[in-house]
Amino acid sequence: MKSIHDVRRENLIDVIERDFNGTQSRLAERMGTQPNLINRWVNGKKIVGDQSARKIEKAANKPTNWLDIDHNLVIREKESDVDTSDACMLAAHNLRAWMSDNRDLSSQKKLADKAGLSQSSINRMLRNETTITIANLDAIAAAFGRRGYELLIPPDDPSVIKYDRSRYALLPKSEKEKVESFIDFVMIQNARNQE
């Protein structure tokens, strides 16, 4: 198992590659620090401490504690088959995915505050240590601008359309009808092509 220092170093290298075009000095400039410090972190000559990790996350526009997560494990978890027979496990899996994709609700505390629940309730749900209630599902999903039932939809369900639900909700009724009409049109065209 990797140490927190190894995980932070790997994530730092990834951030530099993806967000700073592989240029350590760009991250150093954004952080207001010396480039040689970044180089020492990357080469493992100096460990990335807690305060430095939070500064890196802020400079890279990542959620708090993002540097501390082994994203290779998260990706493997997302790619693995989820046991969809257990609603609690499915809800926990989907909630972890939603949190990892949402900077503002990436921590249990932030989510609990916005959903009006206790942090321990969020923690127990994520650890699949509690029975989920419809009220809690609705409260948690509402924090993300979504509906409770969406936490119970298996990942990559072929019947689900992926779209920005919060932006869709803001559309006037006439625009929503256009979206629905277009979906119907595409399905009718596809059915005709299948004949």
N, C-alpha and C. Protein backbone atom coordinates (compact mmCIF):
# COMPACT_ATOMS: atom_id res chain seq x y z
N MET A 1 0.84 -1.18 0.00
CA MET A 1 0.00 0.00 0.00
C MET A 1 0.89 1.24 0.00
N LYS A 2 0.47 2.23 -0.77
CA LYS A 2 1.25 3.46 -0.89
C LYS A 2 1.10 4.31 0.37
N SER A 3 2.17 5.03 0.68
CA SER A 3 2.08 5.98 1.78
C SER A 3 1.41 7.25 1.29
N ILE A 4 0.96 8.09 2.21
CA ILE A 4 0.33 9.35 1.84
C ILE A 4 1.31 10.22 1.06
N HIS A 5 2.59 10.11 1.38
CA HIS A 5 3.61 10.90 0.69
C HIS A 5 3.76 10.47 -0.77
N ASP A 6 3.69 9.15 -1.00
CA ASP A 6 3.76 8.64 -2.38
C ASP A 6 2.54 9.06 -3.18
N VAL A 7 1.36 8.98 -2.55
CA VAL A 7 0.12 9.37 -3.22
C VAL A 7 0.17 10.85 -3.59
N ARG A 8 0.59 11.68 -2.64
CA ARG A 8 0.67 13.12 -2.91
C ARG A 8 1.67 13.42 -4.03
N ARG A 9 2.80 12.74 -4.00
CA ARG A 9 3.81 12.96 -5.04
C ARG A 9 3.28 12.58 -6.42
N GLU A 10 2.62 11.42 -6.52
CA GLU A 10 2.05 10.98 -7.80
C GLU A 10 0.99 11.97 -8.29
N ASN A 11 0.14 12.42 -7.38
CA ASN A 11 -0.89 13.39 -7.76
C ASN A 11 -0.29 14.73 -8.16
N LEU A 12 0.77 15.13 -7.48
CA LEU A 12 1.46 16.38 -7.84
C LEU A 12 2.01 16.28 -9.26
N ILE A 13 2.64 15.19 -9.58
CA ILE A 13 3.18 14.99 -10.92
C ILE A 13 2.05 15.03 -11.95
N ASP A 14 0.94 14.40 -11.62
CA ASP A 14 -0.23 14.39 -12.51
C ASP A 14 -0.78 15.81 -12.70
N VAL A 15 -0.87 16.58 -11.62
CA VAL A 15 -1.37 17.96 -11.70
C VAL A 15 -0.46 18.80 -12.59
N ILE A 16 0.82 18.64 -12.43
CA ILE A 16 1.77 19.42 -13.24
C ILE A 16 1.62 19.06 -14.71
N GLU A 17 1.47 17.77 -15.00
CA GLU A 17 1.31 17.33 -16.39
C GLU A 17 0.01 17.83 -17.00
N ARG A 18 -1.08 17.64 -16.28
CA ARG A 18 -2.41 17.94 -16.83
C ARG A 18 -2.78 19.42 -16.78
N ASP A 19 -2.48 20.06 -15.65
CA ASP A 19 -2.97 21.42 -15.44
C ASP A 19 -1.95 22.51 -15.70
N PHE A 20 -0.68 22.14 -15.78
CA PHE A 20 0.36 23.14 -15.97
C PHE A 20 1.28 22.79 -17.13
N ASN A 21 0.75 22.01 -18.07
CA ASN A 21 1.47 21.62 -19.28
C ASN A 21 2.87 21.06 -19.01
N GLY A 22 3.00 20.33 -17.92
CA GLY A 22 4.27 19.70 -17.59
C GLY A 22 5.35 20.66 -17.10
N THR A 23 4.97 21.89 -16.78
CA THR A 23 5.95 22.91 -16.39
C THR A 23 5.85 23.20 -14.89
N GLN A 24 6.84 22.76 -14.15
CA GLN A 24 6.84 22.93 -12.70
C GLN A 24 6.83 24.40 -12.30
N SER A 25 7.51 25.23 -13.08
CA SER A 25 7.60 26.65 -12.72
C SER A 25 6.24 27.34 -12.78
N ARG A 26 5.33 26.84 -13.62
CA ARG A 26 3.99 27.44 -13.67
C ARG A 26 3.24 27.20 -12.36
N LEU A 27 3.36 26.00 -11.82
CA LEU A 27 2.74 25.72 -10.53
C LEU A 27 3.41 26.57 -9.46
N ALA A 28 4.73 26.66 -9.49
CA ALA A 28 5.45 27.47 -8.50
C ALA A 28 4.99 28.92 -8.54
N GLU A 29 4.82 29.44 -9.74
CA GLU A 29 4.36 30.81 -9.89
C GLU A 29 2.96 30.99 -9.32
N ARG A 30 2.08 30.05 -9.61
CA ARG A 30 0.70 30.13 -9.11
C ARG A 30 0.69 30.05 -7.59
N MET A 31 1.61 29.25 -7.02
CA MET A 31 1.65 29.10 -5.56
C MET A 31 2.42 30.24 -4.89
N GLY A 32 3.19 30.99 -5.67
CA GLY A 32 4.02 32.05 -5.09
C GLY A 32 5.21 31.48 -4.33
N THR A 33 5.80 30.41 -4.89
CA THR A 33 6.94 29.76 -4.24
C THR A 33 8.06 29.56 -5.26
N GLN A 34 9.17 29.05 -4.81
CA GLN A 34 10.33 28.82 -5.66
C GLN A 34 10.17 27.53 -6.46
N PRO A 35 10.56 27.55 -7.74
CA PRO A 35 10.45 26.33 -8.57
C PRO A 35 11.25 25.15 -8.03
N ASN A 36 12.37 25.44 -7.33
CA ASN A 36 13.18 24.32 -6.83
C ASN A 36 12.44 23.53 -5.75
N LEU A 37 11.50 24.17 -5.04
CA LEU A 37 10.71 23.45 -4.05
C LEU A 37 9.80 22.44 -4.75
N ILE A 38 9.17 22.86 -5.83
CA ILE A 38 8.31 21.96 -6.60
C ILE A 38 9.14 20.78 -7.11
N ASN A 39 10.33 21.08 -7.62
CA ASN A 39 11.22 20.05 -8.15
C ASN A 39 11.61 19.05 -7.06
N ARG A 40 11.86 19.53 -5.86
CA ARG A 40 12.23 18.64 -4.76
C ARG A 40 11.06 17.74 -4.38
N TRP A 41 9.84 18.27 -4.42
CA TRP A 41 8.66 17.45 -4.15
C TRP A 41 8.50 16.37 -5.21
N VAL A 42 8.64 16.78 -6.48
CA VAL A 42 8.46 15.85 -7.60
C VAL A 42 9.48 14.72 -7.55
N ASN A 43 10.72 15.06 -7.21
CA ASN A 43 11.79 14.06 -7.18
C ASN A 43 11.86 13.28 -5.88
N GLY A 44 10.95 13.56 -4.94
CA GLY A 44 10.91 12.82 -3.69
C GLY A 44 11.99 13.21 -2.71
N LYS A 45 12.66 14.33 -2.95
CA LYS A 45 13.71 14.79 -2.03
C LYS A 45 13.12 15.52 -0.84
N LYS A 46 11.88 15.95 -0.96
CA LYS A 46 11.17 16.62 0.12
C LYS A 46 9.72 16.13 0.08
N ILE A 47 9.16 15.86 1.26
CA ILE A 47 7.78 15.40 1.29
C ILE A 47 6.83 16.59 1.22
N VAL A 48 5.65 16.34 0.67
CA VAL A 48 4.61 17.36 0.60
C VAL A 48 3.81 17.26 1.89
N GLY A 49 3.96 18.25 2.75
CA GLY A 49 3.24 18.28 4.03
C GLY A 49 1.78 18.69 3.83
N ASP A 50 1.04 18.67 4.93
CA ASP A 50 -0.39 18.99 4.87
C ASP A 50 -0.65 20.40 4.35
N GLN A 51 0.04 21.39 4.90
CA GLN A 51 -0.19 22.77 4.47
C GLN A 51 0.19 22.96 3.01
N SER A 52 1.29 22.38 2.61
CA SER A 52 1.72 22.48 1.21
C SER A 52 0.72 21.79 0.28
N ALA A 53 0.18 20.66 0.72
CA ALA A 53 -0.79 19.94 -0.10
C ALA A 53 -2.02 20.81 -0.34
N ARG A 54 -2.49 21.49 0.72
CA ARG A 54 -3.66 22.35 0.56
C ARG A 54 -3.36 23.53 -0.38
N LYS A 55 -2.14 24.07 -0.32
CA LYS A 55 -1.75 25.17 -1.21
C LYS A 55 -1.68 24.70 -2.67
N ILE A 56 -1.17 23.49 -2.87
CA ILE A 56 -1.11 22.92 -4.23
C ILE A 56 -2.53 22.74 -4.77
N GLU A 57 -3.42 22.19 -3.94
CA GLU A 57 -4.80 21.99 -4.36
C GLU A 57 -5.46 23.31 -4.74
N LYS A 58 -5.22 24.33 -3.93
CA LYS A 58 -5.82 25.65 -4.22
C LYS A 58 -5.26 26.21 -5.52
N ALA A 59 -3.95 26.11 -5.70
CA ALA A 59 -3.32 26.64 -6.92
C ALA A 59 -3.78 25.89 -8.16
N ALA A 60 -4.07 24.59 -8.01
CA ALA A 60 -4.50 23.77 -9.15
C ALA A 60 -6.02 23.71 -9.29
N ASN A 61 -6.71 24.47 -8.43
CA ASN A 61 -8.18 24.50 -8.46
C ASN A 61 -8.78 23.10 -8.25
N LYS A 62 -8.23 22.39 -7.28
CA LYS A 62 -8.72 21.05 -6.93
C LYS A 62 -9.43 21.12 -5.58
N PRO A 63 -10.34 20.19 -5.31
CA PRO A 63 -11.02 20.19 -4.01
C PRO A 63 -10.05 19.89 -2.88
N THR A 64 -10.41 20.35 -1.68
CA THR A 64 -9.60 20.08 -0.50
C THR A 64 -9.43 18.58 -0.33
N ASN A 65 -8.22 18.17 -0.02
CA ASN A 65 -7.82 16.77 0.18
C ASN A 65 -7.75 15.96 -1.11
N TRP A 66 -7.86 16.60 -2.26
CA TRP A 66 -7.75 15.90 -3.54
C TRP A 66 -6.38 15.25 -3.67
N LEU A 67 -5.35 15.92 -3.20
CA LEU A 67 -3.98 15.40 -3.32
C LEU A 67 -3.78 14.14 -2.50
N ASP A 68 -4.62 13.92 -1.50
CA ASP A 68 -4.46 12.79 -0.58
C ASP A 68 -5.13 11.51 -1.06
N ILE A 69 -5.84 11.57 -2.17
CA ILE A 69 -6.60 10.41 -2.66
C ILE A 69 -5.82 9.71 -3.77
N ASP A 70 -5.72 8.40 -3.66
CA ASP A 70 -5.09 7.62 -4.73
C ASP A 70 -6.11 7.47 -5.85
N HIS A 71 -6.03 8.35 -6.84
CA HIS A 71 -7.02 8.39 -7.90
C HIS A 71 -6.99 7.15 -8.79
N ASN A 72 -5.88 6.43 -8.80
CA ASN A 72 -5.83 5.17 -9.54
C ASN A 72 -6.80 4.16 -8.94
N LEU A 73 -6.90 4.14 -7.60
CA LEU A 73 -7.85 3.24 -6.94
C LEU A 73 -9.28 3.68 -7.22
N VAL A 74 -9.54 5.00 -7.20
CA VAL A 74 -10.88 5.51 -7.46
C VAL A 74 -11.31 5.14 -8.88
N ILE A 75 -10.40 5.27 -9.84
CA ILE A 75 -10.72 4.92 -11.23
C ILE A 75 -11.03 3.43 -11.32
N ARG A 76 -10.23 2.60 -10.67
CA ARG A 76 -10.47 1.17 -10.70
C ARG A 76 -11.82 0.84 -10.07
N GLU A 77 -12.17 1.54 -8.99
CA GLU A 77 -13.46 1.30 -8.35
C GLU A 77 -14.59 1.68 -9.29
N LYS A 78 -14.45 2.81 -10.00
CA LYS A 78 -15.50 3.25 -10.91
C LYS A 78 -15.65 2.27 -12.08
N GLU A 79 -14.54 1.66 -12.49
CA GLU A 79 -14.59 0.75 -13.62
C GLU A 79 -15.07 -0.64 -13.22
N SER A 80 -14.97 -0.96 -11.93
CA SER A 80 -15.36 -2.31 -11.51
C SER A 80 -16.87 -2.42 -11.48
N ASP A 81 -17.32 -3.66 -11.50
CA ASP A 81 -18.76 -3.90 -11.44
C ASP A 81 -19.25 -3.57 -10.04
N VAL A 82 -20.31 -2.82 -9.95
CA VAL A 82 -20.91 -2.48 -8.68
C VAL A 82 -22.06 -3.44 -8.44
N ASP A 83 -22.19 -3.95 -7.22
CA ASP A 83 -23.29 -4.84 -6.89
C ASP A 83 -24.56 -4.01 -6.84
N THR A 84 -25.34 -4.08 -7.91
CA THR A 84 -26.54 -3.26 -7.99
C THR A 84 -27.72 -3.89 -7.27
N SER A 85 -27.53 -5.07 -6.69
CA SER A 85 -28.62 -5.71 -5.97
C SER A 85 -28.81 -5.09 -4.59
N ASP A 86 -27.82 -4.42 -4.08
CA ASP A 86 -27.90 -3.80 -2.77
C ASP A 86 -28.03 -2.29 -2.95
N ALA A 87 -29.20 -1.76 -2.65
CA ALA A 87 -29.46 -0.33 -2.85
C ALA A 87 -28.52 0.54 -2.04
N CYS A 88 -28.19 0.12 -0.82
CA CYS A 88 -27.28 0.92 0.01
C CYS A 88 -25.90 1.01 -0.60
N MET A 89 -25.39 -0.12 -1.11
CA MET A 89 -24.08 -0.12 -1.74
C MET A 89 -24.09 0.73 -3.01
N LEU A 90 -25.15 0.62 -3.77
CA LEU A 90 -25.27 1.39 -5.01
C LEU A 90 -25.32 2.88 -4.71
N ALA A 91 -26.12 3.26 -3.72
CA ALA A 91 -26.21 4.68 -3.35
C ALA A 91 -24.87 5.20 -2.86
N ALA A 92 -24.16 4.40 -2.07
CA ALA A 92 -22.84 4.80 -1.57
C ALA A 92 -21.86 4.99 -2.72
N HIS A 93 -21.88 4.05 -3.65
CA HIS A 93 -20.99 4.14 -4.81
C HIS A 93 -21.28 5.40 -5.63
N ASN A 94 -22.55 5.63 -5.93
CA ASN A 94 -22.92 6.81 -6.72
C ASN A 94 -22.61 8.10 -5.99
N LEU A 95 -22.83 8.12 -4.67
CA LEU A 95 -22.53 9.32 -3.90
C LEU A 95 -21.03 9.63 -3.94
N ARG A 96 -20.19 8.61 -3.80
CA ARG A 96 -18.74 8.83 -3.89
C ARG A 96 -18.38 9.43 -5.25
N ALA A 97 -18.99 8.92 -6.31
CA ALA A 97 -18.72 9.43 -7.66
C ALA A 97 -19.18 10.88 -7.78
N TRP A 98 -20.37 11.19 -7.28
CA TRP A 98 -20.87 12.57 -7.33
C TRP A 98 -19.95 13.51 -6.57
N MET A 99 -19.51 13.08 -5.39
CA MET A 99 -18.63 13.93 -4.57
C MET A 99 -17.29 14.15 -5.25
N SER A 100 -16.76 13.12 -5.88
CA SER A 100 -15.45 13.27 -6.54
C SER A 100 -15.54 14.18 -7.76
N ASP A 101 -16.74 14.31 -8.33
CA ASP A 101 -16.93 15.15 -9.51
C ASP A 101 -17.37 16.56 -9.17
N ASN A 102 -17.59 16.87 -7.89
CA ASN A 102 -18.12 18.17 -7.50
C ASN A 102 -17.22 18.82 -6.47
N ARG A 103 -16.50 19.84 -6.88
CA ARG A 103 -15.54 20.51 -6.00
C ARG A 103 -16.22 21.08 -4.76
N ASP A 104 -17.40 21.67 -4.93
CA ASP A 104 -18.07 22.32 -3.81
C ASP A 104 -18.62 21.34 -2.78
N LEU A 105 -18.85 20.11 -3.20
CA LEU A 105 -19.42 19.11 -2.29
C LEU A 105 -18.51 17.88 -2.18
N SER A 106 -17.20 18.12 -2.22
CA SER A 106 -16.25 17.00 -2.22
C SER A 106 -15.96 16.45 -0.83
N SER A 107 -16.35 17.18 0.21
CA SER A 107 -16.09 16.68 1.56
C SER A 107 -17.41 16.33 2.24
N GLN A 108 -17.33 15.41 3.18
CA GLN A 108 -18.53 15.00 3.91
C GLN A 108 -19.13 16.18 4.67
N LYS A 109 -18.29 17.03 5.21
CA LYS A 109 -18.77 18.18 5.99
C LYS A 109 -19.54 19.15 5.10
N LYS A 110 -18.99 19.49 3.95
CA LYS A 110 -19.67 20.42 3.04
C LYS A 110 -21.01 19.85 2.59
N LEU A 111 -21.01 18.56 2.25
CA LEU A 111 -22.24 17.92 1.80
C LEU A 111 -23.27 17.88 2.93
N ALA A 112 -22.83 17.53 4.12
CA ALA A 112 -23.75 17.46 5.26
C ALA A 112 -24.38 18.82 5.52
N ASP A 113 -23.58 19.87 5.48
CA ASP A 113 -24.11 21.21 5.70
C ASP A 113 -25.15 21.58 4.66
N LYS A 114 -24.85 21.32 3.39
CA LYS A 114 -25.77 21.70 2.32
C LYS A 114 -27.03 20.83 2.32
N ALA A 115 -26.90 19.57 2.69
CA ALA A 115 -28.04 18.65 2.68
C ALA A 115 -28.87 18.75 3.97
N GLY A 116 -28.33 19.41 4.99
CA GLY A 116 -29.05 19.51 6.26
C GLY A 116 -29.02 18.23 7.06
N LEU A 117 -27.96 17.45 6.87
CA LEU A 117 -27.80 16.19 7.60
C LEU A 117 -26.53 16.27 8.45
N SER A 118 -26.33 15.30 9.32
CA SER A 118 -25.10 15.27 10.10
C SER A 118 -23.98 14.65 9.25
N GLN A 119 -22.77 15.04 9.57
CA GLN A 119 -21.64 14.47 8.84
C GLN A 119 -21.55 12.97 9.09
N SER A 120 -21.91 12.54 10.29
CA SER A 120 -21.85 11.10 10.58
C SER A 120 -22.85 10.33 9.73
N SER A 121 -23.99 10.95 9.40
CA SER A 121 -24.96 10.28 8.51
C SER A 121 -24.36 10.07 7.13
N ILE A 122 -23.68 11.09 6.62
CA ILE A 122 -23.02 10.99 5.32
C ILE A 122 -21.94 9.91 5.38
N ASN A 123 -21.15 9.93 6.45
CA ASN A 123 -20.07 8.96 6.59
C ASN A 123 -20.61 7.54 6.64
N ARG A 124 -21.67 7.31 7.42
CA ARG A 124 -22.25 5.97 7.52
C ARG A 124 -22.81 5.51 6.18
N MET A 125 -23.40 6.45 5.43
CA MET A 125 -23.93 6.08 4.11
C MET A 125 -22.79 5.69 3.18
N LEU A 126 -21.71 6.47 3.17
CA LEU A 126 -20.58 6.17 2.30
C LEU A 126 -19.92 4.84 2.66
N ARG A 127 -19.96 4.49 3.92
CA ARG A 127 -19.34 3.24 4.37
C ARG A 127 -20.34 2.09 4.35
N ASN A 128 -21.55 2.35 3.88
CA ASN A 128 -22.61 1.34 3.79
C ASN A 128 -22.87 0.72 5.16
N GLU A 129 -22.93 1.58 6.17
CA GLU A 129 -23.15 1.11 7.54
C GLU A 129 -24.54 1.49 8.06
N THR A 130 -25.41 1.92 7.19
CA THR A 130 -26.74 2.33 7.62
C THR A 130 -27.75 2.00 6.53
N THR A 131 -28.98 1.91 6.92
CA THR A 131 -30.06 1.76 5.95
C THR A 131 -30.42 3.15 5.45
N ILE A 132 -30.50 3.28 4.15
CA ILE A 132 -30.81 4.59 3.59
C ILE A 132 -32.31 4.85 3.66
N THR A 133 -32.65 6.12 3.81
CA THR A 133 -34.05 6.50 3.81
C THR A 133 -34.32 7.37 2.59
N ILE A 134 -35.56 7.41 2.17
CA ILE A 134 -35.92 8.25 1.03
C ILE A 134 -35.65 9.71 1.36
N ALA A 135 -35.94 10.10 2.59
CA ALA A 135 -35.70 11.50 3.00
C ALA A 135 -34.23 11.86 2.87
N ASN A 136 -33.34 10.97 3.32
CA ASN A 136 -31.90 11.25 3.22
C ASN A 136 -31.43 11.25 1.77
N LEU A 137 -31.93 10.30 0.97
CA LEU A 137 -31.57 10.29 -0.45
C LEU A 137 -31.99 11.60 -1.11
N ASP A 138 -33.21 12.04 -0.82
CA ASP A 138 -33.71 13.28 -1.41
C ASP A 138 -32.88 14.49 -0.96
N ALA A 139 -32.55 14.54 0.32
CA ALA A 139 -31.78 15.67 0.85
C ALA A 139 -30.38 15.73 0.24
N ILE A 140 -29.75 14.56 0.14
CA ILE A 140 -28.39 14.51 -0.43
C ILE A 140 -28.42 14.87 -1.91
N ALA A 141 -29.34 14.27 -2.64
CA ALA A 141 -29.43 14.54 -4.07
C ALA A 141 -29.77 16.01 -4.33
N ALA A 142 -30.65 16.59 -3.52
CA ALA A 142 -31.02 18.00 -3.69
C ALA A 142 -29.81 18.91 -3.54
N ALA A 143 -28.87 18.54 -2.70
CA ALA A 143 -27.65 19.33 -2.54
C ALA A 143 -26.87 19.40 -3.86
N PHE A 144 -27.00 18.37 -4.67
CA PHE A 144 -26.34 18.32 -5.97
C PHE A 144 -27.24 18.83 -7.10
N GLY A 145 -28.46 19.27 -6.75
CA GLY A 145 -29.41 19.71 -7.76
C GLY A 145 -30.01 18.55 -8.53
N ARG A 146 -30.11 17.41 -7.86
CA ARG A 146 -30.62 16.20 -8.50
C ARG A 146 -31.75 15.60 -7.68
N ARG A 147 -32.24 14.47 -8.09
CA ARG A 147 -33.34 13.77 -7.41
C ARG A 147 -32.80 12.53 -6.69
N GLY A 148 -33.46 12.17 -5.59
CA GLY A 148 -33.00 11.05 -4.77
C GLY A 148 -32.89 9.74 -5.52
N TYR A 149 -33.83 9.47 -6.41
CA TYR A 149 -33.81 8.18 -7.12
C TYR A 149 -32.55 8.02 -7.97
N GLU A 150 -31.92 9.14 -8.36
CA GLU A 150 -30.72 9.05 -9.20
C GLU A 150 -29.56 8.37 -8.48
N LEU A 151 -29.56 8.41 -7.15
CA LEU A 151 -28.52 7.71 -6.39
C LEU A 151 -28.68 6.20 -6.49
N LEU A 152 -29.83 5.74 -6.96
CA LEU A 152 -30.09 4.31 -7.04
C LEU A 152 -30.01 3.77 -8.46
N ILE A 153 -29.56 4.60 -9.39
CA ILE A 153 -29.42 4.16 -10.78
C ILE A 153 -28.02 3.57 -10.95
N PRO A 154 -27.92 2.35 -11.46
CA PRO A 154 -26.59 1.74 -11.65
C PRO A 154 -25.72 2.58 -12.59
N PRO A 155 -24.41 2.61 -12.32
CA PRO A 155 -23.50 3.37 -13.19
C PRO A 155 -23.59 2.85 -14.62
N ASP A 156 -23.49 3.75 -15.54
CA ASP A 156 -23.51 3.42 -16.97
C ASP A 156 -24.78 2.68 -17.39
N ASP A 157 -25.89 2.97 -16.73
CA ASP A 157 -27.17 2.41 -17.15
C ASP A 157 -27.47 2.93 -18.55
N PRO A 158 -27.68 2.05 -19.52
CA PRO A 158 -27.85 2.50 -20.91
C PRO A 158 -29.13 3.30 -21.15
N SER A 159 -30.05 3.28 -20.21
CA SER A 159 -31.30 4.02 -20.41
C SER A 159 -31.23 5.45 -19.88
N VAL A 160 -30.10 5.81 -19.28
CA VAL A 160 -29.97 7.14 -18.68
C VAL A 160 -29.28 8.09 -19.65
N ILE A 161 -29.85 9.26 -19.81
CA ILE A 161 -29.25 10.31 -20.63
C ILE A 161 -28.39 11.17 -19.72
N LYS A 162 -27.16 11.41 -20.12
CA LYS A 162 -26.27 12.25 -19.33
C LYS A 162 -26.39 13.69 -19.78
N TYR A 163 -26.69 14.55 -18.85
CA TYR A 163 -26.82 15.98 -19.13
C TYR A 163 -26.68 16.75 -17.83
N ASP A 164 -26.51 18.06 -17.94
CA ASP A 164 -26.37 18.92 -16.77
C ASP A 164 -27.77 19.20 -16.22
N ARG A 165 -28.14 18.46 -15.20
CA ARG A 165 -29.50 18.56 -14.66
C ARG A 165 -29.81 19.93 -14.07
N SER A 166 -28.83 20.54 -13.44
CA SER A 166 -29.09 21.85 -12.83
C SER A 166 -29.36 22.91 -13.90
N ARG A 167 -28.67 22.84 -15.01
CA ARG A 167 -28.93 23.79 -16.10
C ARG A 167 -30.27 23.49 -16.77
N TYR A 168 -30.59 22.20 -16.92
CA TYR A 168 -31.88 21.82 -17.49
C TYR A 168 -33.03 22.33 -16.62
N ALA A 169 -32.88 22.23 -15.32
CA ALA A 169 -33.93 22.66 -14.40
C ALA A 169 -34.22 24.15 -14.54
N LEU A 170 -33.23 24.93 -14.95
CA LEU A 170 -33.40 26.37 -15.09
C LEU A 170 -34.08 26.78 -16.40
N LEU A 171 -34.19 25.83 -17.33
CA LEU A 171 -34.81 26.15 -18.63
C LEU A 171 -36.30 26.44 -18.46
N PRO A 172 -36.81 27.35 -19.28
CA PRO A 172 -38.27 27.55 -19.26
C PRO A 172 -38.95 26.31 -19.84
N LYS A 173 -40.24 26.16 -19.55
CA LYS A 173 -41.00 24.98 -19.97
C LYS A 173 -40.92 24.77 -21.48
N SER A 174 -40.99 25.85 -22.24
CA SER A 174 -40.96 25.72 -23.70
C SER A 174 -39.63 25.13 -24.18
N GLU A 175 -38.53 25.48 -23.54
CA GLU A 175 -37.22 24.94 -23.92
C GLU A 175 -37.10 23.47 -23.51
N LYS A 176 -37.65 23.13 -22.36
CA LYS A 176 -37.65 21.72 -21.93
C LYS A 176 -38.44 20.87 -22.93
N GLU A 177 -39.54 21.42 -23.41
CA GLU A 177 -40.33 20.70 -24.40
C GLU A 177 -39.55 20.49 -25.69
N LYS A 178 -38.71 21.45 -26.07
CA LYS A 178 -37.87 21.29 -27.26
C LYS A 178 -36.86 20.15 -27.07
N VAL A 179 -36.27 20.09 -25.88
CA VAL A 179 -35.31 19.01 -25.59
C VAL A 179 -36.02 17.66 -25.69
N GLU A 180 -37.18 17.55 -25.06
CA GLU A 180 -37.93 16.30 -25.09
C GLU A 180 -38.34 15.94 -26.52
N SER A 181 -38.73 16.94 -27.29
CA SER A 181 -39.13 16.72 -28.68
C SER A 181 -37.95 16.21 -29.51
N PHE A 182 -36.77 16.78 -29.26
CA PHE A 182 -35.59 16.33 -29.99
C PHE A 182 -35.25 14.88 -29.64
N ILE A 183 -35.35 14.53 -28.38
CA ILE A 183 -35.08 13.15 -27.97
C ILE A 183 -36.06 12.20 -28.66
N ASP A 184 -37.34 12.56 -28.67
CA ASP A 184 -38.34 11.74 -29.36
C ASP A 184 -38.00 11.61 -30.85
N PHE A 185 -37.60 12.71 -31.47
CA PHE A 185 -37.25 12.70 -32.89
C PHE A 185 -36.11 11.72 -33.16
N VAL A 186 -35.05 11.79 -32.35
CA VAL A 186 -33.91 10.90 -32.54
C VAL A 186 -34.32 9.44 -32.37
N MET A 187 -35.16 9.15 -31.39
CA MET A 187 -35.59 7.77 -31.17
C MET A 187 -36.47 7.27 -32.31
N ILE A 188 -37.32 8.12 -32.83
CA ILE A 188 -38.18 7.73 -33.96
C ILE A 188 -37.32 7.47 -35.20
N GLN A 189 -36.35 8.35 -35.45
CA GLN A 189 -35.45 8.17 -36.59
C GLN A 189 -34.67 6.87 -36.47
N ASN A 190 -34.21 6.58 -35.27
CA ASN A 190 -33.45 5.35 -35.05
C ASN A 190 -34.35 4.13 -35.28
N ALA A 191 -35.58 4.19 -34.82
CA ALA A 191 -36.51 3.08 -35.02
C ALA A 191 -36.77 2.85 -36.50
N ARG A 192 -36.90 3.94 -37.25
CA ARG A 192 -37.12 3.81 -38.71
C ARG A 192 -35.91 3.20 -39.39
N ASN A 193 -34.72 3.58 -38.96
CA ASN A 193 -33.50 3.04 -39.54
C ASN A 193 -33.31 1.56 -39.22
N GLN A 194 -33.91 1.11 -38.11
CA GLN A 194 -33.80 -0.29 -37.70
C GLN A 194 -34.74 -1.18 -38.52
N GLU A 195 -35.77 -0.58 -39.14
CA GLU A 195 -36.76 -1.38 -39.87
C GLU A 195 -36.22 -1.91 -41.17
